[in-house]
Amino acid sequence: MAVLWANGVGSVGNVVLMDSIMEIREILAKLKPKVHVHFVPMFVNSAADFLAKQGAANGLVQEAWAC
């Protein structure tokens, strides 16, 4: 659902997430056509899944950078 919301498809039923989703949409609108958001199941991209789990387990702070 998060990918659909970020791409502007469907309505965000969770009011708590609305501000974050709208901020993501604004960032993506500035970066189009350079950036595309797609859902990739973790079993298809095991390397990225492994790195994400390692970061989460080690308390890695993730930051998003936008132009």
N, C-alpha and C. Protein backbone atom coordinates (compact mmCIF):
# COMPACT_ATOMS: atom_id res chain seq x y z
N MET A 1 0.81 -1.19 0.00
CA MET A 1 0.00 0.00 0.00
C MET A 1 0.86 1.26 0.00
N ALA A 2 1.99 1.22 0.68
CA ALA A 2 2.84 2.41 0.76
C ALA A 2 3.32 2.85 -0.61
N VAL A 3 3.65 1.89 -1.47
CA VAL A 3 4.09 2.22 -2.82
C VAL A 3 2.95 2.86 -3.61
N LEU A 4 1.76 2.31 -3.48
CA LEU A 4 0.60 2.89 -4.16
C LEU A 4 0.35 4.31 -3.66
N TRP A 5 0.40 4.52 -2.35
CA TRP A 5 0.18 5.84 -1.79
C TRP A 5 1.23 6.83 -2.28
N ALA A 6 2.50 6.40 -2.28
CA ALA A 6 3.58 7.28 -2.73
C ALA A 6 3.40 7.68 -4.19
N ASN A 7 2.86 6.77 -4.98
CA ASN A 7 2.63 7.04 -6.40
C ASN A 7 1.31 7.75 -6.66
N GLY A 8 0.57 8.07 -5.59
CA GLY A 8 -0.67 8.81 -5.74
C GLY A 8 -1.87 7.96 -6.13
N VAL A 9 -1.77 6.66 -5.91
CA VAL A 9 -2.87 5.76 -6.25
C VAL A 9 -3.60 5.39 -4.97
N GLY A 10 -4.90 5.55 -4.97
CA GLY A 10 -5.68 5.20 -3.80
C GLY A 10 -5.63 6.28 -2.74
N SER A 11 -6.47 6.12 -1.74
CA SER A 11 -6.53 7.11 -0.66
C SER A 11 -5.83 6.56 0.57
N VAL A 12 -5.19 7.45 1.29
CA VAL A 12 -4.50 7.07 2.52
C VAL A 12 -5.53 7.07 3.63
N GLY A 13 -5.87 5.90 4.11
CA GLY A 13 -6.88 5.79 5.16
C GLY A 13 -6.37 6.16 6.53
N ASN A 14 -5.07 6.13 6.71
CA ASN A 14 -4.47 6.40 8.01
C ASN A 14 -4.09 7.88 8.09
N VAL A 15 -4.81 8.64 8.88
CA VAL A 15 -4.59 10.08 9.00
C VAL A 15 -3.20 10.37 9.56
N VAL A 16 -2.69 9.51 10.42
CA VAL A 16 -1.37 9.71 11.01
C VAL A 16 -0.29 9.71 9.93
N LEU A 17 -0.47 8.90 8.90
CA LEU A 17 0.53 8.80 7.83
C LEU A 17 0.36 9.84 6.73
N MET A 18 -0.75 10.54 6.73
CA MET A 18 -1.06 11.44 5.63
C MET A 18 0.03 12.48 5.39
N ASP A 19 0.53 13.13 6.42
CA ASP A 19 1.58 14.15 6.25
C ASP A 19 2.83 13.56 5.63
N SER A 20 3.23 12.38 6.09
CA SER A 20 4.42 11.74 5.54
C SER A 20 4.24 11.36 4.08
N ILE A 21 3.08 10.80 3.77
CA ILE A 21 2.81 10.40 2.38
C ILE A 21 2.78 11.62 1.47
N MET A 22 2.18 12.71 1.92
CA MET A 22 2.13 13.93 1.10
C MET A 22 3.53 14.50 0.89
N GLU A 23 4.38 14.42 1.91
CA GLU A 23 5.76 14.89 1.77
C GLU A 23 6.52 14.03 0.76
N ILE A 24 6.32 12.73 0.80
CA ILE A 24 6.95 11.82 -0.16
C ILE A 24 6.47 12.14 -1.57
N ARG A 25 5.18 12.37 -1.73
CA ARG A 25 4.63 12.71 -3.05
C ARG A 25 5.25 13.99 -3.60
N GLU A 26 5.44 14.99 -2.73
CA GLU A 26 6.05 16.25 -3.16
C GLU A 26 7.49 16.04 -3.63
N ILE A 27 8.24 15.25 -2.89
CA ILE A 27 9.62 14.97 -3.25
C ILE A 27 9.67 14.23 -4.58
N LEU A 28 8.82 13.22 -4.74
CA LEU A 28 8.79 12.46 -5.98
C LEU A 28 8.38 13.33 -7.17
N ALA A 29 7.47 14.26 -6.95
CA ALA A 29 7.04 15.15 -8.03
C ALA A 29 8.20 16.00 -8.52
N LYS A 30 9.07 16.42 -7.60
CA LYS A 30 10.24 17.23 -7.98
C LYS A 30 11.28 16.40 -8.73
N LEU A 31 11.35 15.12 -8.42
CA LEU A 31 12.39 14.25 -8.99
C LEU A 31 11.97 13.51 -10.25
N LYS A 32 10.68 13.56 -10.61
CA LYS A 32 10.23 12.86 -11.81
C LYS A 32 10.84 13.51 -13.02
N PRO A 33 11.20 12.85 -14.05
CA PRO A 33 11.06 11.41 -14.32
C PRO A 33 12.26 10.60 -13.88
N LYS A 34 13.15 11.17 -13.07
CA LYS A 34 14.38 10.49 -12.68
C LYS A 34 14.16 9.36 -11.67
N VAL A 35 13.12 9.48 -10.85
CA VAL A 35 12.91 8.52 -9.77
C VAL A 35 11.56 7.84 -9.94
N HIS A 36 11.56 6.53 -9.76
CA HIS A 36 10.32 5.75 -9.82
C HIS A 36 10.26 4.87 -8.57
N VAL A 37 9.08 4.75 -8.01
CA VAL A 37 8.89 3.91 -6.83
C VAL A 37 8.19 2.64 -7.28
N HIS A 38 8.81 1.50 -7.00
CA HIS A 38 8.25 0.21 -7.38
C HIS A 38 8.36 -0.74 -6.20
N PHE A 39 7.41 -1.64 -6.09
CA PHE A 39 7.46 -2.69 -5.07
C PHE A 39 8.27 -3.86 -5.60
N VAL A 40 9.27 -4.27 -4.81
CA VAL A 40 10.07 -5.44 -5.14
C VAL A 40 10.02 -6.37 -3.93
N PRO A 41 9.44 -7.56 -4.08
CA PRO A 41 9.37 -8.49 -2.95
C PRO A 41 10.77 -8.82 -2.43
N MET A 42 10.89 -9.00 -1.11
CA MET A 42 12.21 -9.22 -0.53
C MET A 42 12.87 -10.50 -1.04
N PHE A 43 12.10 -11.50 -1.41
CA PHE A 43 12.73 -12.72 -1.90
C PHE A 43 13.36 -12.53 -3.28
N VAL A 44 12.94 -11.49 -4.00
CA VAL A 44 13.53 -11.20 -5.32
C VAL A 44 14.82 -10.41 -5.16
N ASN A 45 14.90 -9.58 -4.15
CA ASN A 45 16.07 -8.73 -3.94
C ASN A 45 16.68 -9.05 -2.58
N SER A 46 17.23 -10.23 -2.45
CA SER A 46 17.72 -10.71 -1.17
C SER A 46 18.90 -9.89 -0.64
N ALA A 47 19.73 -9.33 -1.52
CA ALA A 47 20.87 -8.53 -1.06
C ALA A 47 20.39 -7.28 -0.34
N ALA A 48 19.43 -6.58 -0.91
CA ALA A 48 18.91 -5.37 -0.28
C ALA A 48 18.17 -5.72 1.02
N ASP A 49 17.45 -6.83 1.02
CA ASP A 49 16.76 -7.27 2.22
C ASP A 49 17.75 -7.57 3.33
N PHE A 50 18.84 -8.25 2.99
CA PHE A 50 19.88 -8.56 3.98
C PHE A 50 20.47 -7.28 4.57
N LEU A 51 20.81 -6.30 3.72
CA LEU A 51 21.39 -5.05 4.20
C LEU A 51 20.41 -4.28 5.07
N ALA A 52 19.14 -4.27 4.69
CA ALA A 52 18.13 -3.58 5.49
C ALA A 52 18.00 -4.21 6.87
N LYS A 53 18.00 -5.54 6.92
CA LYS A 53 17.90 -6.23 8.21
C LYS A 53 19.13 -5.99 9.07
N GLN A 54 20.31 -5.96 8.45
CA GLN A 54 21.54 -5.69 9.19
C GLN A 54 21.51 -4.28 9.78
N GLY A 55 21.07 -3.33 8.98
CA GLY A 55 20.97 -1.96 9.47
C GLY A 55 19.98 -1.83 10.61
N ALA A 56 18.85 -2.49 10.50
CA ALA A 56 17.84 -2.42 11.55
C ALA A 56 18.34 -3.10 12.83
N ALA A 57 19.03 -4.21 12.69
CA ALA A 57 19.52 -4.94 13.85
C ALA A 57 20.62 -4.18 14.58
N ASN A 58 21.38 -3.37 13.85
CA ASN A 58 22.50 -2.65 14.44
C ASN A 58 22.15 -1.21 14.80
N GLY A 59 20.87 -0.86 14.73
CA GLY A 59 20.42 0.47 15.12
C GLY A 59 20.84 1.57 14.16
N LEU A 60 20.99 1.24 12.90
CA LEU A 60 21.37 2.22 11.89
C LEU A 60 20.30 3.29 11.76
N VAL A 61 20.72 4.54 11.78
CA VAL A 61 19.80 5.64 11.58
C VAL A 61 19.74 5.93 10.09
N GLN A 62 18.54 5.85 9.53
CA GLN A 62 18.38 6.08 8.10
C GLN A 62 17.92 7.51 7.87
N GLU A 63 18.55 8.17 6.91
CA GLU A 63 18.18 9.53 6.56
C GLU A 63 17.83 9.58 5.10
N ALA A 64 16.84 10.37 4.77
CA ALA A 64 16.44 10.55 3.38
C ALA A 64 16.94 11.90 2.90
N TRP A 65 17.56 11.92 1.74
CA TRP A 65 18.07 13.16 1.16
C TRP A 65 17.26 13.47 -0.07
N ALA A 66 16.78 14.67 -0.16
CA ALA A 66 15.99 15.10 -1.32
C ALA A 66 16.63 16.33 -1.95
N CYS A 67 16.53 16.40 -3.25
CA CYS A 67 17.07 17.56 -3.98
C CYS A 67 16.03 18.65 -4.06
